[in-house]
């Protein structure tokens, strides 16, 4: 699975839309949009840190 797909899956697992996800992590909307489109590559460690924070704060709202 490509990183862009993992970013989308992680965001959707929280139940947040892109704007809420960006505000939660303090990441510019354009950056997340580019990550999800695959026009910009998210560093692996950032994805792991975001997944860890979501897990620790128990914000998974996947239906």
Protein backbone atom coordinates (compact mmCIF):
# COMPACT_ATOMS: atom_id res chain seq x y z
CA UNK A 1 0.00 0.00 0.00
CA UNK A 2 1.34 3.42 -0.93
CA UNK A 3 1.85 6.09 1.71
CA UNK A 4 -0.87 8.27 0.16
CA UNK A 5 -3.36 5.44 0.66
CA UNK A 6 -2.19 4.95 4.22
CA UNK A 7 -2.72 8.66 4.96
CA UNK A 8 -6.26 8.49 3.61
CA UNK A 9 -6.98 5.31 5.58
CA UNK A 10 -5.58 6.82 8.78
CA UNK A 11 -7.69 9.97 8.39
CA UNK A 12 -10.84 8.01 7.62
CA UNK A 13 -10.24 5.75 10.64
CA UNK A 14 -10.62 8.82 12.86
CA UNK A 15 -13.95 9.81 11.35
CA UNK A 16 -12.56 13.28 10.66
CA UNK A 17 -12.82 15.13 7.41
CA UNK A 18 -9.64 16.59 5.94
CA UNK A 19 -10.13 20.00 7.57
CA UNK A 20 -10.68 18.54 11.05
CA UNK A 21 -7.69 16.22 10.60
CA UNK A 22 -5.46 19.14 9.63
CA UNK A 23 -6.61 21.23 12.58
CA UNK A 24 -6.13 18.34 15.00
CA UNK A 25 -2.52 17.78 13.94
CA UNK A 26 -1.70 21.42 13.12
CA UNK A 27 -0.75 20.57 9.55
CA UNK A 28 -1.63 22.90 6.66
CA UNK A 29 -4.63 21.74 4.62
CA UNK A 30 -2.65 21.97 1.40
CA UNK A 31 0.06 19.66 2.76
CA UNK A 32 -2.41 16.92 3.70
CA UNK A 33 -4.19 17.33 0.37
CA UNK A 34 -0.90 16.87 -1.48
CA UNK A 35 -0.05 13.82 0.64
CA UNK A 36 -3.40 12.25 -0.18
CA UNK A 37 -3.09 13.02 -3.88
CA UNK A 38 0.43 11.65 -4.01
CA UNK A 39 1.95 14.87 -5.34
CA UNK A 40 4.00 15.17 -2.15
CA UNK A 41 5.41 12.32 -0.08
CA UNK A 42 4.82 12.17 3.63
CA UNK A 43 7.85 10.96 5.60
CA UNK A 44 7.30 7.48 7.04
CA UNK A 45 8.07 8.61 10.57
CA UNK A 46 5.35 11.28 10.44
CA UNK A 47 2.76 8.66 9.50
CA UNK A 48 3.90 6.44 12.37
CA UNK A 49 3.78 9.33 14.85
CA UNK A 50 0.29 10.34 13.73
CA UNK A 51 -0.95 6.74 14.01
CA UNK A 52 0.59 6.48 17.47
CA UNK A 53 -1.06 9.70 18.66
CA UNK A 54 -4.45 8.57 17.36
CA UNK A 55 -4.03 5.23 19.12
CA UNK A 56 -2.92 6.79 22.42
CA UNK A 57 -5.71 9.35 22.44
CA UNK A 58 -8.22 6.68 21.37
CA UNK A 59 -9.82 8.80 18.68
CA UNK A 60 -10.48 5.95 16.27
CA UNK A 61 -14.10 6.37 15.29
CA UNK A 62 -14.17 3.88 12.49
CA UNK A 63 -17.67 2.61 11.85
